[in-house]
């Protein structure tokens, strides 16, 4: 009767490195021949995951493990869509139990339970990154394009900003993949191009609430820029404004982090605002509680920006 001792140290290490998954060839190259493999299966130590792919039954069947199994079974395919987003830690991913797996049109793969198959004829080498744990995953720029067919406009914009903010890739790579893949018949093309064309100018927005506020202000005609305005404060410190209209020295700080609601956080925020006032800047603050009524909050910000424009014009006329 086979036991765990039938697995060589090299095979155990390979299983450990690949979330409990291993191929027939990996077993063989790590000293586990066919007869030993068959005994391990009969003993319930190994089980078939896919053709030529085995799972050690003592390992949890995690999302990563399932992705490894698919990648080992179909090396020409790759994880993408919401699954790729979850593995890469992207926000705003829709809830789905299925693994989204892209395969070439030429691969005649039958439907697989628990897998949403996506077929593509336009896959270049740089579109796929092969992780050390065995997962083939869409590159950040390819994933950004693929997610356009899974997310609504605001969530896709948020994901693009996160990819840029976290430096998974630059704007140039996102532009190149759009030019290469966008096509009237390709799902997500219109949304992807729209997202890229309507980005708030400036740097990458850090959080989803920042994206929502900036986009809504932009849609209301407020000419905001993101994460590019630095103020040199009288106390010698520098401050970067989340969202700003530099021409009238007006900015919005989106205080989404819970620390901003604590006494220490609010005190630091107020002190920074006073310093900004000393150099002629007007700062508006938005909290998570304000966002419970987004439309009313945006109405207030637009009204404040309009008033600021009027006041700023009057100040300029007086100072010549």
Protein backbone atom coordinates (compact mmCIF):
# COMPACT_ATOMS: atom_id res chain seq x y z
CA UNK A 1 0.00 0.00 0.00
CA UNK A 2 1.40 3.38 -1.01
CA UNK A 3 2.07 6.01 1.65
CA UNK A 4 3.33 9.57 1.62
CA UNK A 5 6.81 8.05 1.78
CA UNK A 6 6.30 6.94 -1.82
CA UNK A 7 6.61 10.60 -2.83
CA UNK A 8 10.22 11.68 -3.15
CA UNK A 9 11.45 14.82 -1.45
CA UNK A 10 11.74 16.46 -4.87
CA UNK A 11 8.13 15.58 -5.74
CA UNK A 12 6.91 16.90 -2.39
CA UNK A 13 8.76 20.15 -2.99
CA UNK A 14 7.20 20.46 -6.44
CA UNK A 15 3.75 19.93 -4.93
CA UNK A 16 4.50 22.54 -2.28
CA UNK A 17 5.67 25.03 -4.91
CA UNK A 18 2.58 24.51 -7.07
CA UNK A 19 -0.27 24.66 -4.52
CA UNK A 20 -0.54 20.85 -4.34
CA UNK A 21 -0.62 20.25 -8.11
CA UNK A 22 1.82 18.25 -10.21
CA UNK A 23 1.98 16.86 -13.74
CA UNK A 24 2.80 13.35 -14.87
CA UNK A 25 6.10 14.54 -16.32
CA UNK A 26 6.97 16.40 -13.10
CA UNK A 27 6.30 13.26 -11.07
CA UNK A 28 8.50 11.25 -13.40
CA UNK A 29 11.35 13.77 -13.41
CA UNK A 30 11.17 13.92 -9.61
CA UNK A 31 11.56 10.18 -9.18
CA UNK A 32 7.93 8.96 -9.05
CA UNK A 33 7.43 6.38 -11.79
CA UNK A 34 4.10 5.25 -13.24
CA UNK A 35 3.56 2.28 -10.93
CA UNK A 36 4.29 4.36 -7.83
CA UNK A 37 1.96 7.06 -9.14
CA UNK A 38 -0.84 4.54 -9.70
CA UNK A 39 -0.40 3.21 -6.15
CA UNK A 40 -0.59 6.76 -4.78
CA UNK A 41 -3.85 7.29 -6.66
CA UNK A 42 -5.26 3.99 -5.44
CA UNK A 43 -4.38 4.95 -1.86
CA UNK A 44 -6.18 8.26 -2.22
CA UNK A 45 -3.00 10.29 -1.73
CA UNK A 46 -3.09 11.67 -5.27
CA UNK A 47 -6.17 12.31 -7.40
CA UNK A 48 -6.72 13.36 -11.00
CA UNK A 49 -7.32 17.09 -11.45
CA UNK A 50 -7.11 17.10 -15.26
CA UNK A 51 -5.51 14.85 -17.82
CA UNK A 52 -1.83 14.46 -16.86
CA UNK A 53 -2.34 16.70 -13.79
CA UNK A 54 -2.63 15.36 -10.25
CA UNK A 55 -3.50 16.90 -6.91
CA UNK A 56 -2.29 15.77 -3.51
CA UNK A 57 -5.51 15.35 -1.57
CA UNK A 58 -4.11 16.76 1.67
CA UNK A 59 -3.71 20.19 0.08
CA UNK A 60 -6.66 22.65 0.14
CA UNK A 61 -8.33 23.22 -3.21
CA UNK A 62 -7.84 26.98 -3.24
CA UNK A 63 -8.46 29.38 -6.10
CA UNK A 64 -4.72 29.43 -6.76
CA UNK A 65 -4.59 25.62 -6.81
CA UNK A 66 -7.41 25.44 -9.34
CA UNK A 67 -5.63 28.02 -11.50
CA UNK A 68 -2.38 26.04 -11.34
CA UNK A 69 -4.19 22.87 -12.41
CA UNK A 70 -5.71 24.59 -15.44
CA UNK A 71 -2.42 26.21 -16.39
CA UNK A 72 -0.55 22.91 -16.16
CA UNK A 73 -3.23 21.07 -18.13
CA UNK A 74 -3.46 23.75 -20.85
CA UNK A 75 -0.10 25.58 -21.09
CA UNK A 76 -1.30 27.73 -24.01
CA UNK A 77 -4.09 29.22 -21.88
CA UNK A 78 -4.03 31.79 -19.10
CA UNK A 79 -6.10 33.08 -16.20
CA UNK A 80 -7.76 36.42 -16.89
CA UNK A 81 -10.91 38.47 -16.18
CA UNK A 82 -12.22 38.64 -12.59
CA UNK A 83 -10.09 35.63 -11.57
CA UNK A 84 -6.92 37.30 -12.78
CA UNK A 85 -7.98 40.48 -11.00
CA UNK A 86 -8.50 38.64 -7.70
CA UNK A 87 -5.12 36.93 -7.92
CA UNK A 88 -3.44 40.27 -8.64
CA UNK A 89 -5.30 41.91 -5.75
CA UNK A 90 -7.33 44.33 -7.87
CA UNK A 91 -10.40 45.99 -6.35
CA UNK A 92 -13.99 46.03 -7.62
CA UNK A 93 -13.90 42.43 -8.89
CA UNK A 94 -17.34 40.86 -9.41
CA UNK A 95 -18.19 37.81 -7.34
CA UNK A 96 -17.83 34.63 -9.38
CA UNK A 97 -16.97 31.05 -8.45
CA UNK A 98 -15.87 30.24 -11.99
CA UNK A 99 -12.27 30.61 -13.11
CA UNK A 100 -12.01 32.81 -16.19
CA UNK A 101 -9.51 31.11 -18.47
CA UNK A 102 -8.51 32.30 -21.93
CA UNK A 103 -7.53 29.76 -24.58
CA UNK A 104 -6.65 30.02 -28.28
CA UNK A 105 -9.49 29.68 -30.77
CA UNK A 106 -7.64 26.72 -32.24
CA UNK A 107 -7.71 24.73 -28.99
CA UNK A 108 -10.65 22.33 -29.10
CA UNK A 109 -11.40 22.27 -25.40
CA UNK A 110 -14.76 20.99 -24.22
CA UNK A 111 -16.64 22.93 -21.51
CA UNK A 112 -15.09 22.48 -18.07
CA UNK A 113 -17.18 22.60 -14.90
CA UNK A 114 -16.37 25.67 -12.82
CA UNK A 115 -14.50 27.34 -15.67
CA UNK A 116 -15.61 30.18 -17.93
CA UNK A 117 -13.67 29.69 -21.15
CA UNK A 118 -12.74 32.81 -23.11
CA UNK A 119 -11.28 32.36 -26.56
CA UNK A 120 -8.83 34.72 -28.21
CA UNK A 121 -6.90 34.79 -31.46
CA UNK A 122 -4.76 37.78 -30.46
CA UNK A 123 -2.32 36.72 -27.79
CA UNK A 124 1.29 37.85 -27.87
CA UNK A 125 4.08 36.55 -25.66
CA UNK A 126 3.99 39.63 -23.45
CA UNK A 127 0.28 39.14 -22.76
CA UNK A 128 0.94 36.16 -20.48
CA UNK A 129 3.12 35.98 -17.39
CA UNK A 130 4.10 32.58 -16.03
CA UNK A 131 4.36 32.67 -12.24
CA UNK A 132 6.76 30.56 -10.23
CA UNK A 133 3.80 28.71 -8.68
CA UNK A 134 2.67 27.50 -12.11
CA UNK A 135 -0.16 29.93 -12.81
CA UNK A 136 -0.29 31.43 -16.30
CA UNK A 137 -1.89 34.83 -15.81
CA UNK A 138 -2.71 37.77 -18.05
CA UNK A 139 -0.15 40.55 -17.88
CA UNK A 140 -1.43 43.73 -16.18
CA UNK A 141 -2.03 45.48 -19.52
CA UNK A 142 -3.79 42.47 -21.07
CA UNK A 143 -5.84 42.01 -17.89
CA UNK A 144 -6.84 45.70 -17.98
CA UNK A 145 -8.21 45.17 -21.49
CA UNK A 146 -9.95 41.86 -20.73
CA UNK A 147 -11.67 43.28 -17.64
CA UNK A 148 -13.41 45.93 -19.76
CA UNK A 149 -15.99 43.31 -20.70
CA UNK A 150 -16.60 42.32 -17.05
CA UNK A 151 -16.84 45.68 -15.25
CA UNK A 152 -19.06 48.73 -15.46
CA UNK A 153 -17.62 52.08 -16.46
CA UNK A 154 -16.71 53.35 -12.99
CA UNK A 155 -15.24 50.07 -11.75
CA UNK A 156 -13.14 49.67 -14.89
CA UNK A 157 -11.84 53.21 -14.48
CA UNK A 158 -11.00 52.39 -10.85
CA UNK A 159 -9.07 49.26 -11.83
CA UNK A 160 -7.08 51.16 -14.46
CA UNK A 161 -6.11 53.72 -11.82
CA UNK A 162 -5.07 51.00 -9.37
CA UNK A 163 -2.91 49.28 -11.99
CA UNK A 164 -1.17 52.58 -12.67
CA UNK A 165 -0.92 53.66 -9.03
CA UNK A 166 0.57 50.30 -7.97
CA UNK A 167 2.98 50.51 -10.92
CA UNK A 168 1.98 47.22 -12.47
CA UNK A 169 2.54 48.99 -15.78
CA UNK A 170 2.54 52.47 -17.29
CA UNK A 171 0.07 54.39 -19.41
CA UNK A 172 2.11 53.58 -22.52
CA UNK A 173 1.56 49.84 -22.14
CA UNK A 174 -2.19 50.40 -21.69
CA UNK A 175 -2.34 52.52 -24.84
CA UNK A 176 -0.39 49.95 -26.87
CA UNK A 177 -2.63 47.03 -25.85
CA UNK A 178 -5.72 49.09 -26.69
CA UNK A 179 -4.44 49.87 -30.16
CA UNK A 180 -3.60 46.22 -30.73
CA UNK A 181 -6.72 44.55 -29.36
CA UNK A 182 -9.58 47.03 -29.75
CA UNK A 183 -11.98 45.94 -32.47
CA UNK A 184 -15.71 46.55 -33.01
CA UNK A 185 -16.44 42.83 -32.56
CA UNK A 186 -14.16 42.24 -29.57
CA UNK A 187 -15.98 42.37 -26.20
CA UNK A 188 -15.00 45.28 -24.00
CA UNK A 189 -13.28 47.28 -26.75
CA UNK A 190 -15.63 50.25 -26.60
CA UNK A 191 -15.45 50.47 -22.80
CA UNK A 192 -11.67 50.13 -22.77
CA UNK A 193 -11.17 52.95 -25.25
CA UNK A 194 -13.71 55.11 -23.43
CA UNK A 195 -12.00 54.52 -20.07
CA UNK A 196 -8.59 55.46 -21.43
CA UNK A 197 -9.88 58.50 -23.30
CA UNK A 198 -11.78 59.88 -20.29
CA UNK A 199 -9.12 59.44 -17.60
CA UNK A 200 -8.85 62.41 -15.26
CA UNK A 201 -5.63 64.20 -16.26
CA UNK A 202 -2.63 63.93 -13.99
CA UNK A 203 -1.36 61.04 -11.95
CA UNK A 204 -3.05 57.81 -10.91
CA UNK A 205 -5.85 58.09 -8.38
CA UNK A 206 -5.15 56.04 -5.28
CA UNK A 207 -8.56 54.76 -4.15
CA UNK A 208 -11.95 53.92 -5.60
CA UNK A 209 -13.66 56.82 -3.77
CA UNK A 210 -11.12 59.22 -5.31
CA UNK A 211 -11.95 57.84 -8.75
CA UNK A 212 -15.69 58.27 -8.20
CA UNK A 213 -15.41 61.86 -6.94
CA UNK A 214 -12.94 62.92 -9.65
CA UNK A 215 -14.96 61.33 -12.46
CA UNK A 216 -18.23 62.85 -11.25
CA UNK A 217 -16.66 66.30 -11.00
CA UNK A 218 -15.19 65.86 -14.46
CA UNK A 219 -18.61 64.88 -15.84
CA UNK A 220 -20.07 68.04 -14.28
CA UNK A 221 -17.55 70.17 -16.14
CA UNK A 222 -15.11 70.89 -13.31
CA UNK A 223 -11.58 70.87 -14.87
CA UNK A 224 -9.87 68.76 -12.23
CA UNK A 225 -6.49 67.07 -12.29
CA UNK A 226 -5.42 64.17 -10.09
CA UNK A 227 -2.47 63.72 -7.74
CA UNK A 228 -0.23 66.25 -9.48
CA UNK A 229 -0.60 69.43 -7.41
CA UNK A 230 2.00 69.84 -4.66
CA UNK A 231 1.77 72.73 -2.22
CA UNK A 232 4.78 74.13 -0.37
CA UNK A 233 3.25 74.99 3.00
CA UNK A 234 4.46 77.81 5.28
CA UNK A 235 5.52 75.29 7.94
CA UNK A 236 8.06 73.83 5.52
CA UNK A 237 6.07 70.71 4.70
CA UNK A 238 4.74 69.67 1.31
CA UNK A 239 1.21 68.50 0.60
CA UNK A 240 -0.13 66.73 -2.45
CA UNK A 241 -3.79 67.39 -3.26
CA UNK A 242 -5.90 64.40 -4.30
CA UNK A 243 -8.04 66.31 -6.81
CA UNK A 244 -7.49 69.93 -7.75
CA UNK A 245 -8.32 72.80 -10.07
CA UNK A 246 -4.97 74.63 -9.90
CA UNK A 247 -6.08 77.66 -11.95
CA UNK A 248 -8.26 78.81 -9.06
CA UNK A 249 -6.26 77.25 -6.21
CA UNK A 250 -9.09 74.88 -5.28
CA UNK A 251 -8.74 71.29 -4.17
CA UNK A 252 -10.62 68.28 -2.85
CA UNK A 253 -9.21 65.79 -0.37
CA UNK A 254 -11.01 62.43 -0.31
CA UNK A 255 -10.66 61.10 3.23
CA UNK A 256 -11.65 57.48 2.67
CA UNK A 257 -9.23 55.95 5.17
CA UNK A 258 -10.77 55.43 8.66
CA UNK A 259 -7.83 57.25 10.27
CA UNK A 260 -9.23 60.52 8.93
CA UNK A 261 -12.26 60.09 11.22
CA UNK A 262 -10.15 59.78 14.37
CA UNK A 263 -9.20 62.80 16.48
CA UNK A 264 -5.52 62.64 15.55
CA UNK A 265 -6.35 62.32 11.86
CA UNK A 266 -8.90 65.15 11.77
CA UNK A 267 -6.54 67.42 13.73
CA UNK A 268 -3.72 66.81 11.23
CA UNK A 269 -6.12 67.41 8.32
CA UNK A 270 -7.36 70.71 9.76
CA UNK A 271 -3.82 71.88 10.45
CA UNK A 272 -2.84 71.12 6.85
CA UNK A 273 -5.93 72.94 5.56
CA UNK A 274 -5.05 76.03 7.58
CA UNK A 275 -1.56 75.97 6.14
CA UNK A 276 -3.05 75.74 2.64
CA UNK A 277 -5.33 78.72 3.37
CA UNK A 278 -2.28 80.78 4.28
CA UNK A 279 -1.00 80.43 0.72
CA UNK A 280 -4.37 81.11 -0.88
CA UNK A 281 -5.67 77.59 -1.42
CA UNK A 282 -9.22 76.48 -0.60
CA UNK A 283 -9.48 72.82 0.35
CA UNK A 284 -12.74 70.86 0.55
CA UNK A 285 -12.84 67.53 2.38
CA UNK A 286 -15.01 64.54 1.54
CA UNK A 287 -15.45 61.63 3.96
CA UNK A 288 -16.99 58.20 3.57
CA UNK A 289 -20.09 59.50 5.36
CA UNK A 290 -20.44 62.27 2.74
CA UNK A 291 -20.39 59.58 0.07
CA UNK A 292 -23.59 58.03 1.35
CA UNK A 293 -25.34 60.68 -0.76
CA UNK A 294 -22.96 61.11 -3.68
CA UNK A 295 -25.22 63.28 -5.81
CA UNK A 296 -25.83 65.82 -3.04
CA UNK A 297 -22.14 65.88 -2.15
CA UNK A 298 -21.09 66.45 -5.78
CA UNK A 299 -23.72 69.21 -6.07
CA UNK A 300 -22.09 70.93 -3.09
CA UNK A 301 -18.60 70.58 -4.53
CA UNK A 302 -19.68 71.96 -7.90
CA UNK A 303 -21.35 74.92 -6.16
CA UNK A 304 -18.23 75.53 -4.07
CA UNK A 305 -16.01 75.36 -7.15
CA UNK A 306 -18.28 77.82 -8.98
CA UNK A 307 -18.20 80.21 -6.01
CA UNK A 308 -14.43 79.85 -5.83
CA UNK A 309 -14.12 80.82 -9.51
CA UNK A 310 -16.19 83.96 -8.88
CA UNK A 311 -14.20 84.91 -5.79
CA UNK A 312 -10.88 84.18 -7.47
CA UNK A 313 -11.79 86.35 -10.46
CA UNK A 314 -12.73 89.19 -8.11
CA UNK A 315 -9.45 88.88 -6.20
CA UNK A 316 -7.47 88.98 -9.43
CA UNK A 317 -9.31 92.06 -10.64
CA UNK A 318 -8.52 93.86 -7.39
CA UNK A 319 -4.85 92.88 -7.39
CA UNK A 320 -4.45 93.87 -11.02
